[in-house]
Amino acid sequence: MAQNNRIFDDLGRLMNEAAGVADGVRREVETVVKSQAKRIVADMDLVKREDFDALRELVQVQGEEIDQLRKELAALRTKRKAE
């Protein structure tokens, strides 16, 4: 009976160690994948979100200014034709 308990204890310890090794492997794979992803993103030379939002806002404002200038130009042309 003591022999059976020892076998089960050894088997439990072995399974516990295997689970620890598997967790270590999982963490190592996660680290490698994250570092590769960061390297790929860095190589892509992507723009930061803050820079993109600032540029989008600037383009929107300039678009509105261009529309206003077009209206003013059309009014001046109409006025010039009327003269």
Protein backbone atom coordinates (compact mmCIF):
# COMPACT_ATOMS: atom_id res chain seq x y z
CA MET A 1 0.00 0.00 0.00
CA ALA A 2 2.83 2.34 0.83
CA GLN A 3 4.35 1.48 -2.54
CA ASN A 4 1.12 2.61 -4.30
CA ASN A 5 1.05 5.89 -2.38
CA ARG A 6 4.67 6.55 -3.31
CA ILE A 7 3.91 5.89 -6.99
CA PHE A 8 0.96 8.28 -6.89
CA ASP A 9 3.07 10.88 -5.06
CA ASP A 10 5.82 10.56 -7.67
CA LEU A 11 3.29 10.72 -10.48
CA GLY A 12 1.67 13.83 -8.96
CA ARG A 13 5.04 15.50 -8.51
CA LEU A 14 6.00 14.63 -12.10
CA MET A 15 2.74 16.09 -13.44
CA ASN A 16 3.21 19.21 -11.33
CA GLU A 17 6.72 19.69 -12.70
CA ALA A 18 5.49 19.12 -16.25
CA ALA A 19 2.84 21.79 -15.74
CA GLY A 20 5.52 24.19 -14.51
CA VAL A 21 7.70 23.46 -17.54
CA ALA A 22 4.72 23.95 -19.87
CA ASP A 23 3.96 27.29 -18.23
CA GLY A 24 7.59 28.36 -18.65
CA VAL A 25 7.50 27.39 -22.31
CA ARG A 26 4.25 29.31 -22.76
CA ARG A 27 5.79 32.43 -21.23
CA GLU A 28 8.90 32.09 -23.38
CA VAL A 29 6.80 31.74 -26.55
CA GLU A 30 4.75 34.80 -25.58
CA THR A 31 7.95 36.80 -25.06
CA VAL A 32 9.35 35.75 -28.43
CA VAL A 33 6.09 36.51 -30.25
CA LYS A 34 5.76 39.92 -28.60
CA SER A 35 9.34 40.88 -29.43
CA GLN A 36 8.90 39.76 -33.05
CA ALA A 37 5.64 41.72 -33.32
CA LYS A 38 7.31 44.83 -31.91
CA ARG A 39 10.19 44.43 -34.37
CA ILE A 40 7.81 44.04 -37.31
CA VAL A 41 5.81 47.11 -36.29
CA ALA A 42 9.00 49.12 -35.84
CA ASP A 43 10.21 48.05 -39.29
CA MET A 44 6.91 49.15 -40.84
CA ASP A 45 7.59 52.75 -39.79
CA LEU A 46 3.98 53.33 -38.75
CA VAL A 47 2.71 56.72 -37.66
CA LYS A 48 1.67 57.23 -34.04
CA ARG A 49 -2.04 57.61 -33.35
CA GLU A 50 -1.58 61.08 -31.83
CA ASP A 51 0.24 62.29 -34.95
CA PHE A 52 -2.43 60.81 -37.21
CA ASP A 53 -5.25 62.49 -35.25
CA ALA A 54 -3.45 65.86 -35.29
CA LEU A 55 -2.87 65.65 -39.03
CA ARG A 56 -6.47 64.58 -39.67
CA GLU A 57 -7.74 67.60 -37.71
CA LEU A 58 -5.40 69.92 -39.62
CA VAL A 59 -6.58 68.52 -42.97
CA GLN A 60 -10.21 68.95 -41.92
CA VAL A 61 -9.64 72.59 -40.96
CA GLN A 62 -7.79 73.25 -44.22
CA GLY A 63 -10.61 71.59 -46.16
CA GLU A 64 -13.10 73.93 -44.55
CA GLU A 65 -10.87 76.93 -45.37
CA ILE A 66 -10.59 75.78 -49.00
CA ASP A 67 -14.38 75.47 -49.26
CA GLN A 68 -14.78 78.98 -47.87
CA LEU A 69 -12.19 80.36 -50.30
CA ARG A 70 -13.94 78.64 -53.22
CA LYS A 71 -17.21 80.28 -52.23
CA GLU A 72 -15.52 83.67 -52.00
CA LEU A 73 -13.86 83.16 -55.39
CA ALA A 74 -17.16 82.14 -56.98
CA ALA A 75 -18.81 85.26 -55.52
CA LEU A 76 -16.03 87.47 -56.87
CA ARG A 77 -16.32 85.88 -60.33
CA THR A 78 -20.06 86.36 -60.30
CA LYS A 79 -19.63 89.98 -59.23
CA ARG A 80 -17.01 90.55 -61.96
CA LYS A 81 -19.29 89.11 -64.67
CA ALA A 82 -22.13 91.33 -63.48
CA GLU A 83 -20.02 94.49 -63.95
